PDB file of N, CA and C in Angstrom:
ATOM      1  N   MET A   1     194.924 107.792 126.017  1.00  0.00           N
ATOM      2  CA  MET A   1     193.507 107.752 126.295  1.00  0.00           C
ATOM      3  C   MET A   1     193.229 106.944 127.553  1.00  0.00           C
ATOM      4  N   THR A   2     193.932 105.832 127.746  1.00  0.00           N
ATOM      5  CA  THR A   2     193.725 104.974 128.901  1.00  0.00           C
ATOM      6  C   THR A   2     194.086 105.702 130.194  1.00  0.00           C
ATOM      7  N   THR A   3     195.145 106.508 130.163  1.00  0.00           N
ATOM      8  CA  THR A   3     195.566 107.263 131.340  1.00  0.00           C
ATOM      9  C   THR A   3     194.507 108.277 131.737  1.00  0.00           C
ATOM     10  N   ASN A   4     193.915 108.953 130.760  1.00  0.00           N
ATOM     11  CA  ASN A   4     192.852 109.917 131.050  1.00  0.00           C
ATOM     12  C   ASN A   4     191.651 109.239 131.677  1.00  0.00           C
ATOM     13  N   MET A   5     191.284 108.071 131.173  1.00  0.00           N
ATOM     14  CA  MET A   5     190.140 107.347 131.728  1.00  0.00           C
ATOM     15  C   MET A   5     190.447 106.852 133.133  1.00  0.00           C
ATOM     16  N   THR A   6     191.673 106.418 133.379  1.00  0.00           N
ATOM     17  CA  THR A   6     192.072 105.953 134.705  1.00  0.00           C
ATOM     18  C   THR A   6     192.028 107.116 135.694  1.00  0.00           C
ATOM     19  N   ASP A   7     192.545 108.277 135.296  1.00  0.00           N
ATOM     20  CA  ASP A   7     192.518 109.468 136.149  1.00  0.00           C
ATOM     21  C   ASP A   7     191.083 109.887 136.442  1.00  0.00           C
ATOM     22  N   LEU A   8     190.249 109.871 135.430  1.00  0.00           N
ATOM     23  CA  LEU A   8     188.840 110.234 135.591  1.00  0.00           C
ATOM     24  C   LEU A   8     188.138 109.247 136.526  1.00  0.00           C
ATOM     25  N   SER A   9     188.431 107.966 136.361  1.00  0.00           N
ATOM     26  CA  SER A   9     187.817 106.939 137.187  1.00  0.00           C
ATOM     27  C   SER A   9     188.224 107.092 138.651  1.00  0.00           C
ATOM     28  N   SER A  10     189.495 107.317 138.923  1.00  0.00           N
ATOM     29  CA  SER A  10     189.944 107.463 140.310  1.00  0.00           C
ATOM     30  C   SER A  10     189.429 108.766 140.910  1.00  0.00           C
ATOM     31  N   SER A  11     189.336 109.812 140.100  1.00  0.00           N
ATOM     32  CA  SER A  11     188.791 111.078 140.577  1.00  0.00           C
ATOM     33  C   SER A  11     187.313 110.945 140.924  1.00  0.00           C
ATOM     34  N   LEU A  12     186.571 110.262 140.067  1.00  0.00           N
ATOM     35  CA  LEU A  12     185.148 110.030 140.299  1.00  0.00           C
ATOM     36  C   LEU A  12     184.942 109.142 141.529  1.00  0.00           C
ATOM     37  N   SER A  13     185.780 108.140 141.661  1.00  0.00           N
ATOM     38  CA  SER A  13     185.702 107.239 142.814  1.00  0.00           C
ATOM     39  C   SER A  13     185.946 108.011 144.112  1.00  0.00           C
ATOM     40  N   GLY A  14     186.934 108.884 144.109  1.00  0.00           N
ATOM     41  CA  GLY A  14     187.225 109.701 145.297  1.00  0.00           C
ATOM     42  C   GLY A  14     186.078 110.633 145.628  1.00  0.00           C
ATOM     43  N   ALA A  15     185.472 111.226 144.605  1.00  0.00           N
ATOM     44  CA  ALA A  15     184.338 112.132 144.824  1.00  0.00           C
ATOM     45  C   ALA A  15     183.144 111.375 145.400  1.00  0.00           C
ATOM     46  N   LEU A  16     182.894 110.163 144.901  1.00  0.00           N
ATOM     47  CA  LEU A  16     181.787 109.362 145.418  1.00  0.00           C
ATOM     48  C   LEU A  16     182.033 108.941 146.875  1.00  0.00           C
ATOM     49  N   ASP A  17     183.269 108.570 147.186  1.00  0.00           N
ATOM     50  CA  ASP A  17     183.606 108.212 148.565  1.00  0.00           C
ATOM     51  C   ASP A  17     183.376 109.399 149.501  1.00  0.00           C
ATOM     52  N   GLN A  18     183.771 110.572 149.072  1.00  0.00           N
ATOM     53  CA  GLN A  18     183.587 111.770 149.882  1.00  0.00           C
ATOM     54  C   GLN A  18     182.103 112.082 150.063  1.00  0.00           C
ATOM     55  N   LEU A  19     181.330 111.955 149.006  1.00  0.00           N
ATOM     56  CA  LEU A  19     179.890 112.204 149.075  1.00  0.00           C
ATOM     57  C   LEU A  19     179.210 111.213 150.015  1.00  0.00           C
ATOM     58  N   LEU A  20     179.550 109.929 149.907  1.00  0.00           N
ATOM     59  CA  LEU A  20     178.959 108.921 150.786  1.00  0.00           C
ATOM     60  C   LEU A  20     179.343 109.166 152.242  1.00  0.00           C
ATOM     61  N   GLY A  21     180.571 109.582 152.482  1.00  0.00           N
ATOM     62  CA  GLY A  21     180.999 109.909 153.847  1.00  0.00           C
ATOM     63  C   GLY A  21     180.195 111.061 154.420  1.00  0.00           C
ATOM     64  N   SER A  22     179.944 112.078 153.607  1.00  0.00           N
ATOM     65  CA  SER A  22     179.146 113.227 154.044  1.00  0.00           C
ATOM     66  C   SER A  22     177.710 112.812 154.355  1.00  0.00           C
ATOM     67  N   LEU A  23     177.144 111.960 153.516  1.00  0.00           N
ATOM     68  CA  LEU A  23     175.774 111.496 153.744  1.00  0.00           C
ATOM     69  C   LEU A  23     175.669 110.672 155.024  1.00  0.00           C
ATOM     70  N   ARG A  24     176.652 109.809 155.267  1.00  0.00           N
ATOM     71  CA  ARG A  24     176.636 108.997 156.491  1.00  0.00           C
ATOM     72  C   ARG A  24     176.738 109.885 157.732  1.00  0.00           C
ATOM     73  N   ALA A  25     177.571 110.907 157.663  1.00  0.00           N
ATOM     74  CA  ALA A  25     177.749 111.813 158.808  1.00  0.00           C
ATOM     75  C   ALA A  25     176.484 112.619 159.080  1.00  0.00           C
ATOM     76  N   ALA A  26     175.724 112.913 158.039  1.00  0.00           N
ATOM     77  CA  ALA A  26     174.521 113.727 158.190  1.00  0.00           C
ATOM     78  C   ALA A  26     173.279 112.906 158.502  1.00  0.00           C
ATOM     79  N   ALA A  27     173.405 111.582 158.485  1.00  0.00           N
ATOM     80  CA  ALA A  27     172.239 110.729 158.730  1.00  0.00           C
ATOM     81  C   ALA A  27     171.752 110.889 160.169  1.00  0.00           C
ATOM     82  N   PRO A  28     170.448 110.891 160.376  1.00  0.00           N
ATOM     83  CA  PRO A  28     169.924 111.021 161.733  1.00  0.00           C
ATOM     84  C   PRO A  28     170.283 109.803 162.581  1.00  0.00           C
ATOM     85  N   VAL A  29     170.441 110.035 163.870  1.00  0.00           N
ATOM     86  CA  VAL A  29     170.801 108.968 164.794  1.00  0.00           C
ATOM     87  C   VAL A  29     169.532 108.274 165.279  1.00  0.00           C
ATOM     88  N   ILE A  30     169.548 106.943 165.266  1.00  0.00           N
ATOM     89  CA  ILE A  30     168.423 106.184 165.802  1.00  0.00           C
ATOM     90  C   ILE A  30     168.581 106.154 167.316  1.00  0.00           C
ATOM     91  N   THR A  31     167.525 106.501 168.020  1.00  0.00           N
ATOM     92  CA  THR A  31     167.570 106.575 169.469  1.00  0.00           C
ATOM     93  C   THR A  31     166.906 105.352 170.083  1.00  0.00           C
ATOM     94  N   TYR A  32     167.539 104.832 171.135  1.00  0.00           N
ATOM     95  CA  TYR A  32     167.012 103.702 171.886  1.00  0.00           C
ATOM     96  C   TYR A  32     166.863 104.123 173.341  1.00  0.00           C
ATOM     97  N   SER A  33     165.912 103.505 174.039  1.00  0.00           N
ATOM     98  CA  SER A  33     165.763 103.777 175.466  1.00  0.00           C
ATOM     99  C   SER A  33     165.362 102.492 176.176  1.00  0.00           C
ATOM    100  N   LEU A  34     165.492 102.517 177.506  1.00  0.00           N
ATOM    101  CA  LEU A  34     165.085 101.376 178.313  1.00  0.00           C
ATOM    102  C   LEU A  34     163.577 101.404 178.486  1.00  0.00           C
ATOM    103  N   ALA A  35     162.939 100.291 178.193  1.00  0.00           N
ATOM    104  CA  ALA A  35     161.481 100.200 178.279  1.00  0.00           C
ATOM    105  C   ALA A  35     161.056 100.008 179.732  1.00  0.00           C
ATOM    106  N   GLY A  36     159.856 100.478 180.033  1.00  0.00           N
ATOM    107  CA  GLY A  36     159.277 100.269 181.349  1.00  0.00           C
ATOM    108  C   GLY A  36     159.013 101.556 182.081  1.00  0.00           C
ATOM    109  N   GLU A  37     158.546 101.403 183.307  1.00  0.00           N
ATOM    110  CA  GLU A  37     158.252 102.555 184.169  1.00  0.00           C
ATOM    111  C   GLU A  37     159.101 102.464 185.420  1.00  0.00           C
ATOM    112  N   GLY A  38     159.279 103.571 186.081  1.00  0.00           N
ATOM    113  CA  GLY A  38     160.068 103.591 187.311  1.00  0.00           C
ATOM    114  C   GLY A  38     161.550 103.534 186.996  1.00  0.00           C
ATOM    115  N   SER A  39     162.292 102.803 187.811  1.00  0.00           N
ATOM    116  CA  SER A  39     163.727 102.664 187.591  1.00  0.00           C
ATOM    117  C   SER A  39     164.166 101.261 187.994  1.00  0.00           C
ATOM    118  N   GLU A  40     165.360 100.903 187.568  1.00  0.00           N
ATOM    119  CA  GLU A  40     165.917  99.571 187.842  1.00  0.00           C
ATOM    120  C   GLU A  40     167.355  99.749 188.323  1.00  0.00           C
ATOM    121  N   TRP A  41     167.837  98.753 189.048  1.00  0.00           N
ATOM    122  CA  TRP A  41     169.231  98.719 189.480  1.00  0.00           C
ATOM    123  C   TRP A  41     170.007  97.816 188.531  1.00  0.00           C
ATOM    124  N   TYR A  42     171.170  98.298 188.080  1.00  0.00           N
ATOM    125  CA  TYR A  42     172.045  97.550 187.179  1.00  0.00           C
ATOM    126  C   TYR A  42     173.474  97.608 187.714  1.00  0.00           C
ATOM    127  N   TYR A  43     174.247  96.603 187.344  1.00  0.00           N
ATOM    128  CA  TYR A  43     175.661  96.591 187.703  1.00  0.00           C
ATOM    129  C   TYR A  43     176.425  97.345 186.630  1.00  0.00           C
ATOM    130  N   ASP A  44     177.164  98.399 187.021  1.00  0.00           N
ATOM    131  CA  ASP A  44     177.968  99.179 186.088  1.00  0.00           C
ATOM    132  C   ASP A  44     179.317  98.486 185.927  1.00  0.00           C
ATOM    133  N   LEU A  45     179.655  98.103 184.701  1.00  0.00           N
ATOM    134  CA  LEU A  45     180.872  97.350 184.431  1.00  0.00           C
ATOM    135  C   LEU A  45     182.139  98.156 184.691  1.00  0.00           C
ATOM    136  N   GLN A  46     182.098  99.470 184.532  1.00  0.00           N
ATOM    137  CA  GLN A  46     183.294 100.293 184.753  1.00  0.00           C
ATOM    138  C   GLN A  46     183.431 100.713 186.215  1.00  0.00           C
ATOM    139  N   LYS A  47     182.334 101.114 186.824  1.00  0.00           N
ATOM    140  CA  LYS A  47     182.375 101.564 188.220  1.00  0.00           C
ATOM    141  C   LYS A  47     182.451 100.391 189.198  1.00  0.00           C
ATOM    142  N   LYS A  48     182.091  99.192 188.700  1.00  0.00           N
ATOM    143  CA  LYS A  48     182.051  97.980 189.521  1.00  0.00           C
ATOM    144  C   LYS A  48     181.166  98.170 190.755  1.00  0.00           C
ATOM    145  N   SER A  49     180.016  98.776 190.498  1.00  0.00           N
ATOM    146  CA  SER A  49     179.032  98.980 191.558  1.00  0.00           C
ATOM    147  C   SER A  49     177.640  99.054 190.931  1.00  0.00           C
ATOM    148  N   MET A  50     176.628  98.985 191.779  1.00  0.00           N
ATOM    149  CA  MET A  50     175.252  99.065 191.304  1.00  0.00           C
ATOM    150  C   MET A  50     174.874 100.528 191.063  1.00  0.00           C
ATOM    151  N   VAL A  51     174.128 100.761 189.986  1.00  0.00           N
ATOM    152  CA  VAL A  51     173.644 102.102 189.664  1.00  0.00           C
ATOM    153  C   VAL A  51     172.145 102.020 189.412  1.00  0.00           C
ATOM    154  N   ARG A  52     171.445 103.041 189.798  1.00  0.00           N
ATOM    155  CA  ARG A  52     170.002 103.108 189.564  1.00  0.00           C
ATOM    156  C   ARG A  52     169.772 103.865 188.263  1.00  0.00           C
ATOM    157  N   VAL A  53     169.077 103.218 187.335  1.00  0.00           N
ATOM    158  CA  VAL A  53     168.849 103.817 186.021  1.00  0.00           C
ATOM    159  C   VAL A  53     167.348 103.924 185.795  1.00  0.00           C
ATOM    160  N   PRO A  54     166.858 105.156 185.580  1.00  0.00           N
ATOM    161  CA  PRO A  54     165.424 105.314 185.307  1.00  0.00           C
ATOM    162  C   PRO A  54     165.056 104.693 183.963  1.00  0.00           C
ATOM    163  N   ASN A  55     163.939 103.979 183.915  1.00  0.00           N
ATOM    164  CA  ASN A  55     163.439 103.472 182.635  1.00  0.00           C
ATOM    165  C   ASN A  55     163.068 104.670 181.770  1.00  0.00           C
ATOM    166  N   GLY A  56     163.308 104.559 180.481  1.00  0.00           N
ATOM    167  CA  GLY A  56     163.123 105.677 179.570  1.00  0.00           C
ATOM    168  C   GLY A  56     164.437 106.379 179.269  1.00  0.00           C
ATOM    169  N   THR A  57     165.519 105.997 179.968  1.00  0.00           N
ATOM    170  CA  THR A  57     166.831 106.587 179.729  1.00  0.00           C
ATOM    171  C   THR A  57     167.340 106.179 178.351  1.00  0.00           C
ATOM    172  N   GLU A  58     167.894 107.139 177.618  1.00  0.00           N
ATOM    173  CA  GLU A  58     168.457 106.847 176.299  1.00  0.00           C
ATOM    174  C   GLU A  58     169.720 106.012 176.461  1.00  0.00           C
ATOM    175  N   VAL A  59     169.887 105.025 175.569  1.00  0.00           N
ATOM    176  CA  VAL A  59     171.050 104.144 175.604  1.00  0.00           C
ATOM    177  C   VAL A  59     171.607 103.933 174.200  1.00  0.00           C
ATOM    178  N   VAL A  60     172.886 103.542 174.157  1.00  0.00           N
ATOM    179  CA  VAL A  60     173.568 103.199 172.915  1.00  0.00           C
ATOM    180  C   VAL A  60     174.291 101.883 173.153  1.00  0.00           C
ATOM    181  N   GLU A  61     174.186 100.942 172.217  1.00  0.00           N
ATOM    182  CA  GLU A  61     174.863  99.662 172.371  1.00  0.00           C
ATOM    183  C   GLU A  61     176.371  99.848 172.263  1.00  0.00           C
ATOM    184  N   VAL A  62     177.108  99.164 173.148  1.00  0.00           N
ATOM    185  CA  VAL A  62     178.569  99.181 173.127  1.00  0.00           C
ATOM    186  C   VAL A  62     179.016  97.876 172.478  1.00  0.00           C
ATOM    187  N   SER A  63     179.468  97.964 171.238  1.00  0.00           N
ATOM    188  CA  SER A  63     179.736  96.758 170.446  1.00  0.00           C
ATOM    189  C   SER A  63     181.018  96.034 170.839  1.00  0.00           C
ATOM    190  N   LYS A  64     181.894  96.645 171.635  1.00  0.00           N
ATOM    191  CA  LYS A  64     183.142  95.954 171.972  1.00  0.00           C
ATOM    192  C   LYS A  64     182.923  94.819 172.975  1.00  0.00           C
ATOM    193  N   TYR A  65     181.751  94.770 173.605  1.00  0.00           N
ATOM    194  CA  TYR A  65     181.400  93.691 174.524  1.00  0.00           C
ATOM    195  C   TYR A  65     180.471  92.715 173.815  1.00  0.00           C
ATOM    196  N   SER A  66     180.700  91.436 174.027  1.00  0.00           N
ATOM    197  CA  SER A  66     179.796  90.440 173.456  1.00  0.00           C
ATOM    198  C   SER A  66     178.679  90.144 174.457  1.00  0.00           C
ATOM    199  N   PRO A  67     177.554  89.623 173.985  1.00  0.00           N
ATOM    200  CA  PRO A  67     176.464  89.274 174.907  1.00  0.00           C
ATOM    201  C   PRO A  67     176.931  88.228 175.923  1.00  0.00           C
ATOM    202  N   ASP A  68     176.353  88.260 177.127  1.00  0.00           N
ATOM    203  CA  ASP A  68     176.709  87.277 178.146  1.00  0.00           C
ATOM    204  C   ASP A  68     175.898  85.996 177.946  1.00  0.00           C
ATOM    205  N   LYS A  69     176.019  85.052 178.875  1.00  0.00           N
ATOM    206  CA  LYS A  69     175.359  83.753 178.739  1.00  0.00           C
ATOM    207  C   LYS A  69     173.844  83.864 178.743  1.00  0.00           C
ATOM    208  N   GLN A  70     173.284  84.917 179.371  1.00  0.00           N
ATOM    209  CA  GLN A  70     171.839  85.126 179.379  1.00  0.00           C
ATOM    210  C   GLN A  70     171.364  85.916 178.158  1.00  0.00           C
ATOM    211  N   GLY A  71     172.292  86.301 177.264  1.00  0.00           N
ATOM    212  CA  GLY A  71     171.927  87.037 176.059  1.00  0.00           C
ATOM    213  C   GLY A  71     171.842  88.537 176.251  1.00  0.00           C
ATOM    214  N   ARG A  72     172.231  89.034 177.435  1.00  0.00           N
ATOM    215  CA  ARG A  72     172.177  90.479 177.684  1.00  0.00           C
ATOM    216  C   ARG A  72     173.304  91.181 176.937  1.00  0.00           C
ATOM    217  N   ILE A  73     172.983  92.350 176.402  1.00  0.00           N
ATOM    218  CA  ILE A  73     173.978  93.148 175.689  1.00  0.00           C
ATOM    219  C   ILE A  73     174.419  94.309 176.570  1.00  0.00           C
ATOM    220  N   VAL A  74     175.553  94.887 176.236  1.00  0.00           N
ATOM    221  CA  VAL A  74     176.084  96.010 176.998  1.00  0.00           C
ATOM    222  C   VAL A  74     175.678  97.304 176.315  1.00  0.00           C
ATOM    223  N   VAL A  75     175.147  98.230 177.106  1.00  0.00           N
ATOM    224  CA  VAL A  75     174.757  99.546 176.598  1.00  0.00           C
ATOM    225  C   VAL A  75     175.370 100.621 177.477  1.00  0.00           C
ATOM    226  N   GLN A  76     175.502 101.802 176.896  1.00  0.00           N
ATOM    227  CA  GLN A  76     175.948 102.972 177.644  1.00  0.00           C
ATOM    228  C   GLN A  76     174.776 103.924 177.742  1.00  0.00           C
ATOM    229  N   THR A  77     174.482 104.357 178.962  1.00  0.00           N
ATOM    230  CA  THR A  77     173.380 105.291 179.155  1.00  0.00           C
ATOM    231  C   THR A  77     173.836 106.705 178.858  1.00  0.00           C
ATOM    232  N   ILE A  78     172.889 107.604 178.797  1.00  0.00           N
ATOM    233  CA  ILE A  78     173.196 109.010 178.554  1.00  0.00           C
ATOM    234  C   ILE A  78     174.033 109.594 179.704  1.00  0.00           C
ATOM    235  N   ASN A  79     173.996 108.925 180.874  1.00  0.00           N
ATOM    236  CA  ASN A  79     174.783 109.348 182.037  1.00  0.00           C
ATOM    237  C   ASN A  79     176.113 108.605 182.118  1.00  0.00           C
ATOM    238  N   ASN A  80     176.508 107.927 181.034  1.00  0.00           N
ATOM    239  CA  ASN A  80     177.774 107.196 180.918  1.00  0.00           C
ATOM    240  C   ASN A  80     177.868 105.957 181.793  1.00  0.00           C
ATOM    241  N   ASP A  81     176.747 105.387 182.207  1.00  0.00           N
ATOM    242  CA  ASP A  81     176.762 104.113 182.904  1.00  0.00           C
ATOM    243  C   ASP A  81     176.891 103.009 181.853  1.00  0.00           C
ATOM    244  N   ILE A  82     177.750 102.026 182.102  1.00  0.00           N
ATOM    245  CA  ILE A  82     177.942 100.892 181.200  1.00  0.00           C
ATOM    246  C   ILE A  82     177.287  99.684 181.872  1.00  0.00           C
ATOM    247  N   ILE A  83     176.148  99.242 181.321  1.00  0.00           N
ATOM    248  CA  ILE A  83     175.356  98.198 181.978  1.00  0.00           C
ATOM    249  C   ILE A  83     174.975  97.106 180.986  1.00  0.00           C
ATOM    250  N   ARG A  84     174.626  95.924 181.510  1.00  0.00           N
ATOM    251  CA  ARG A  84     174.104  94.829 180.688  1.00  0.00           C
ATOM    252  C   ARG A  84     172.586  94.828 180.787  1.00  0.00           C
ATOM    253  N   VAL A  85     171.939  94.698 179.617  1.00  0.00           N
ATOM    254  CA  VAL A  85     170.484  94.759 179.555  1.00  0.00           C
ATOM    255  C   VAL A  85     169.964  93.664 178.621  1.00  0.00           C
ATOM    256  N   ASP A  86     168.839  93.081 178.977  1.00  0.00           N
ATOM    257  CA  ASP A  86     168.166  92.135 178.092  1.00  0.00           C
ATOM    258  C   ASP A  86     167.713  92.910 176.848  1.00  0.00           C
ATOM    259  N   PRO A  87     168.028  92.426 175.643  1.00  0.00           N
ATOM    260  CA  PRO A  87     167.644  93.152 174.426  1.00  0.00           C
ATOM    261  C   PRO A  87     166.152  93.453 174.323  1.00  0.00           C
ATOM    262  N   GLU A  88     165.322  92.632 174.965  1.00  0.00           N
ATOM    263  CA  GLU A  88     163.876  92.880 174.930  1.00  0.00           C
ATOM    264  C   GLU A  88     163.488  94.114 175.748  1.00  0.00           C
ATOM    265  N   ARG A  89     164.380  94.587 176.610  1.00  0.00           N
ATOM    266  CA  ARG A  89     164.105  95.772 177.427  1.00  0.00           C
ATOM    267  C   ARG A  89     164.471  97.064 176.702  1.00  0.00           C
ATOM    268  N   ILE A  90     165.057  96.938 175.498  1.00  0.00           N
ATOM    269  CA  ILE A  90     165.477  98.133 174.750  1.00  0.00           C
ATOM    270  C   ILE A  90     164.411  98.478 173.729  1.00  0.00           C
ATOM    271  N   LEU A  91     163.960  99.707 173.788  1.00  0.00           N
ATOM    272  CA  LEU A  91     162.897 100.206 172.930  1.00  0.00           C
ATOM    273  C   LEU A  91     163.497 101.135 171.879  1.00  0.00           C
ATOM    274  N   LYS A  92     163.224 100.847 170.614  1.00  0.00           N
ATOM    275  CA  LYS A  92     163.686 101.709 169.522  1.00  0.00           C
ATOM    276  C   LYS A  92     162.718 102.869 169.386  1.00  0.00           C
ATOM    277  N   ILE A  93     163.207 104.076 169.643  1.00  0.00           N
ATOM    278  CA  ILE A  93     162.363 105.268 169.566  1.00  0.00           C
ATOM    279  C   ILE A  93     162.260 105.780 168.134  1.00  0.00           C
ATOM    280  N   GLY A  94     163.365 105.717 167.413  1.00  0.00           N
ATOM    281  CA  GLY A  94     163.371 106.224 166.045  1.00  0.00           C
ATOM    282  C   GLY A  94     164.434 107.290 165.888  1.00  0.00           C
ATOM    283  N   PHE A  95     164.238 108.169 164.926  1.00  0.00           N
ATOM    284  CA  PHE A  95     165.224 109.188 164.626  1.00  0.00           C
ATOM    285  C   PHE A  95     164.957 110.442 165.451  1.00  0.00           C
ATOM    286  N   HIS A  96     166.048 111.034 165.939  1.00  0.00           N
ATOM    287  CA  HIS A  96     165.965 112.317 166.667  1.00  0.00           C
ATOM    288  C   HIS A  96     166.758 113.351 165.960  1.00  0.00           C
TER     289      HIS A  96
END
């Protein structure tokens, strides 16, 4: 009886893990963009040069970089620019 319950428990656990994985994959992505009007110049960490980024550009935080001494975080733009931005300049748009 104990073996049957153990098999049932591990089978149920595997099914729940699979279901949760499917739900996470299907969850809508929260979109962020740079706040403001016009455009700004930023230093691209990979290109090692300045890039002009229009405000309103969609961005995603790059978690492998830690914030710098001024508290700026690293984001990747939709054009693959890797830049540091003040967190107050990032606007949460919501789900797309």
